[in-house]
N, C-alpha and C. Protein backbone atom coordinates (compact mmCIF):
# COMPACT_ATOMS: atom_id res chain seq x y z
N MET A 1 -9.09 -24.05 -9.17
CA MET A 1 -9.93 -22.91 -8.88
C MET A 1 -9.06 -21.65 -8.82
N ASN A 2 -9.51 -20.59 -9.46
CA ASN A 2 -8.79 -19.33 -9.43
C ASN A 2 -9.06 -18.57 -8.14
N ASN A 3 -8.05 -17.88 -7.66
CA ASN A 3 -8.16 -17.07 -6.46
C ASN A 3 -8.05 -15.60 -6.88
N TYR A 4 -9.15 -14.87 -6.77
CA TYR A 4 -9.15 -13.46 -7.14
C TYR A 4 -9.18 -12.60 -5.89
N ASN A 5 -8.41 -11.56 -5.88
CA ASN A 5 -8.35 -10.63 -4.76
C ASN A 5 -8.46 -9.21 -5.29
N SER A 6 -9.06 -8.35 -4.49
CA SER A 6 -9.17 -6.93 -4.83
C SER A 6 -8.51 -6.12 -3.73
N TYR A 7 -7.77 -5.12 -4.15
CA TYR A 7 -7.07 -4.25 -3.20
C TYR A 7 -7.34 -2.80 -3.55
N LEU A 8 -7.47 -1.98 -2.53
CA LEU A 8 -7.56 -0.54 -2.69
C LEU A 8 -6.24 0.03 -2.21
N VAL A 9 -5.55 0.74 -3.08
CA VAL A 9 -4.24 1.29 -2.74
C VAL A 9 -4.32 2.80 -2.82
N ARG A 10 -3.93 3.45 -1.72
CA ARG A 10 -3.85 4.90 -1.69
C ARG A 10 -2.40 5.29 -1.48
N GLN A 11 -1.97 6.34 -2.16
CA GLN A 11 -0.61 6.82 -2.01
C GLN A 11 -0.65 8.29 -1.63
N TRP A 12 0.09 8.64 -0.59
CA TRP A 12 0.25 10.03 -0.21
C TRP A 12 1.70 10.41 -0.44
N LEU A 13 1.90 11.54 -1.09
CA LEU A 13 3.23 12.13 -1.24
C LEU A 13 3.25 13.35 -0.34
N LEU A 14 3.99 13.26 0.75
CA LEU A 14 4.00 14.33 1.74
C LEU A 14 5.16 15.27 1.45
N PRO A 15 4.85 16.56 1.27
CA PRO A 15 5.88 17.51 0.86
C PRO A 15 6.80 17.91 2.00
N ASP A 16 7.98 18.31 1.63
CA ASP A 16 8.93 18.87 2.57
C ASP A 16 8.51 20.31 2.85
N GLU A 17 8.68 20.74 4.08
CA GLU A 17 8.30 22.10 4.45
C GLU A 17 9.30 23.13 3.93
N GLN A 18 10.51 22.70 3.67
CA GLN A 18 11.54 23.61 3.19
C GLN A 18 11.47 23.72 1.66
N PRO A 19 11.76 24.90 1.12
CA PRO A 19 11.77 25.04 -0.35
C PRO A 19 12.83 24.12 -0.97
N ALA A 20 12.47 23.51 -2.07
CA ALA A 20 13.40 22.62 -2.76
C ALA A 20 14.38 23.43 -3.59
N SER A 21 15.60 22.94 -3.67
CA SER A 21 16.58 23.53 -4.57
C SER A 21 16.20 23.18 -6.00
N GLU A 22 16.72 23.93 -6.93
CA GLU A 22 16.39 23.66 -8.33
C GLU A 22 16.78 22.24 -8.69
N GLY A 23 15.84 21.51 -9.30
CA GLY A 23 16.09 20.13 -9.71
C GLY A 23 15.80 19.10 -8.63
N GLU A 24 15.53 19.53 -7.40
CA GLU A 24 15.23 18.60 -6.32
C GLU A 24 13.73 18.46 -6.14
N SER A 25 13.32 17.31 -5.69
CA SER A 25 11.91 17.05 -5.42
C SER A 25 11.54 17.62 -4.06
N LYS A 26 10.33 18.16 -3.97
CA LYS A 26 9.84 18.64 -2.68
C LYS A 26 9.21 17.51 -1.87
N VAL A 27 9.13 16.31 -2.42
CA VAL A 27 8.51 15.20 -1.71
C VAL A 27 9.45 14.73 -0.61
N ARG A 28 8.96 14.77 0.63
CA ARG A 28 9.75 14.33 1.78
C ARG A 28 9.68 12.82 1.91
N PHE A 29 8.46 12.28 1.85
CA PHE A 29 8.30 10.84 1.89
C PHE A 29 6.91 10.49 1.38
N GLN A 30 6.71 9.21 1.13
CA GLN A 30 5.43 8.72 0.64
C GLN A 30 4.89 7.67 1.60
N VAL A 31 3.58 7.53 1.60
CA VAL A 31 2.91 6.54 2.42
C VAL A 31 1.91 5.81 1.54
N PHE A 32 1.89 4.48 1.65
CA PHE A 32 0.92 3.65 0.94
C PHE A 32 -0.03 3.05 1.96
N ASP A 33 -1.32 3.20 1.74
CA ASP A 33 -2.35 2.58 2.56
C ASP A 33 -3.03 1.55 1.66
N ILE A 34 -2.99 0.27 2.06
CA ILE A 34 -3.53 -0.81 1.23
C ILE A 34 -4.61 -1.53 2.01
N GLU A 35 -5.75 -1.76 1.36
CA GLU A 35 -6.83 -2.50 1.99
C GLU A 35 -7.22 -3.67 1.11
N HIS A 36 -7.33 -4.85 1.72
CA HIS A 36 -7.82 -6.03 1.01
C HIS A 36 -9.34 -5.95 1.06
N VAL A 37 -9.97 -5.78 -0.09
CA VAL A 37 -11.40 -5.49 -0.16
C VAL A 37 -12.24 -6.62 0.43
N GLN A 38 -11.91 -7.87 0.15
CA GLN A 38 -12.73 -8.98 0.60
C GLN A 38 -12.74 -9.14 2.12
N SER A 39 -11.62 -8.91 2.78
CA SER A 39 -11.53 -9.16 4.22
C SER A 39 -11.54 -7.88 5.05
N GLY A 40 -11.24 -6.76 4.44
CA GLY A 40 -11.14 -5.52 5.20
C GLY A 40 -9.80 -5.32 5.89
N ARG A 41 -8.91 -6.28 5.75
CA ARG A 41 -7.58 -6.14 6.36
C ARG A 41 -6.84 -5.02 5.67
N ARG A 42 -6.03 -4.30 6.44
CA ARG A 42 -5.29 -3.19 5.84
C ARG A 42 -3.94 -3.01 6.51
N THR A 43 -3.09 -2.31 5.79
CA THR A 43 -1.77 -1.97 6.31
C THR A 43 -1.37 -0.62 5.74
N ARG A 44 -0.39 -0.02 6.36
CA ARG A 44 0.17 1.25 5.90
C ARG A 44 1.68 1.11 5.93
N VAL A 45 2.32 1.36 4.79
CA VAL A 45 3.77 1.20 4.66
C VAL A 45 4.35 2.41 3.94
N ARG A 46 5.67 2.55 4.02
CA ARG A 46 6.34 3.69 3.37
C ARG A 46 7.03 3.32 2.06
N GLN A 47 7.22 2.03 1.83
CA GLN A 47 7.93 1.59 0.63
C GLN A 47 7.02 0.75 -0.25
N LEU A 48 7.08 0.97 -1.55
CA LEU A 48 6.27 0.22 -2.49
C LEU A 48 6.59 -1.28 -2.42
N ASP A 49 7.85 -1.63 -2.20
CA ASP A 49 8.22 -3.05 -2.07
C ASP A 49 7.53 -3.70 -0.88
N ASP A 50 7.37 -2.95 0.22
CA ASP A 50 6.66 -3.48 1.38
C ASP A 50 5.18 -3.69 1.08
N ALA A 51 4.60 -2.78 0.30
CA ALA A 51 3.20 -2.94 -0.11
C ALA A 51 3.04 -4.19 -0.96
N LYS A 52 3.95 -4.39 -1.88
CA LYS A 52 3.90 -5.57 -2.75
C LYS A 52 4.03 -6.85 -1.93
N THR A 53 4.92 -6.86 -0.96
CA THR A 53 5.11 -8.04 -0.11
C THR A 53 3.83 -8.34 0.67
N TRP A 54 3.19 -7.32 1.23
CA TRP A 54 1.96 -7.52 1.99
C TRP A 54 0.86 -8.07 1.09
N ILE A 55 0.70 -7.49 -0.09
CA ILE A 55 -0.33 -7.96 -1.04
C ILE A 55 -0.08 -9.43 -1.40
N GLU A 56 1.16 -9.78 -1.68
CA GLU A 56 1.48 -11.16 -2.03
C GLU A 56 1.20 -12.11 -0.87
N SER A 57 1.45 -11.68 0.37
CA SER A 57 1.20 -12.57 1.51
C SER A 57 -0.29 -12.79 1.72
N ILE A 58 -1.10 -11.75 1.54
CA ILE A 58 -2.55 -11.90 1.66
C ILE A 58 -3.07 -12.81 0.54
N SER A 59 -2.60 -12.60 -0.67
CA SER A 59 -3.04 -13.40 -1.81
C SER A 59 -2.66 -14.87 -1.64
N ALA A 60 -1.51 -15.13 -1.04
CA ALA A 60 -1.04 -16.50 -0.86
C ALA A 60 -1.86 -17.28 0.17
N GLU A 61 -2.59 -16.58 1.03
CA GLU A 61 -3.39 -17.25 2.05
C GLU A 61 -4.57 -18.01 1.44
N GLY A 62 -4.97 -17.65 0.25
CA GLY A 62 -6.04 -18.36 -0.42
C GLY A 62 -7.42 -17.89 0.03
N PRO A 63 -8.45 -18.56 -0.48
CA PRO A 63 -9.82 -18.14 -0.19
C PRO A 63 -10.23 -18.46 1.25
N ASN A 64 -11.39 -17.91 1.65
CA ASN A 64 -11.98 -18.15 2.96
C ASN A 64 -11.11 -17.68 4.10
N ARG A 65 -10.55 -16.48 3.97
CA ARG A 65 -9.72 -15.92 5.04
C ARG A 65 -10.31 -14.63 5.57
N ASP A 66 -11.60 -14.41 5.35
CA ASP A 66 -12.24 -13.18 5.80
C ASP A 66 -12.12 -13.03 7.32
N THR A 67 -11.83 -11.80 7.76
CA THR A 67 -11.68 -11.54 9.18
C THR A 67 -12.69 -10.51 9.67
N LYS A 68 -13.67 -10.15 8.85
CA LYS A 68 -14.67 -9.16 9.26
C LYS A 68 -15.61 -9.74 10.27
């Protein structure tokens, strides 16, 4: 049986308040908000690798894990 999961991923790029030097990014940091659509579980992380790890852990739990 296949296990399908849906995720909603939002990314915020929060700017630095100080003017950037030429060639530098004004992005101070980023935030990822991830929601597992089927269960409503969500997390917020600053690194894309952490988002990937969370998604993989939810997907590995298999079906029938709804917490709503």
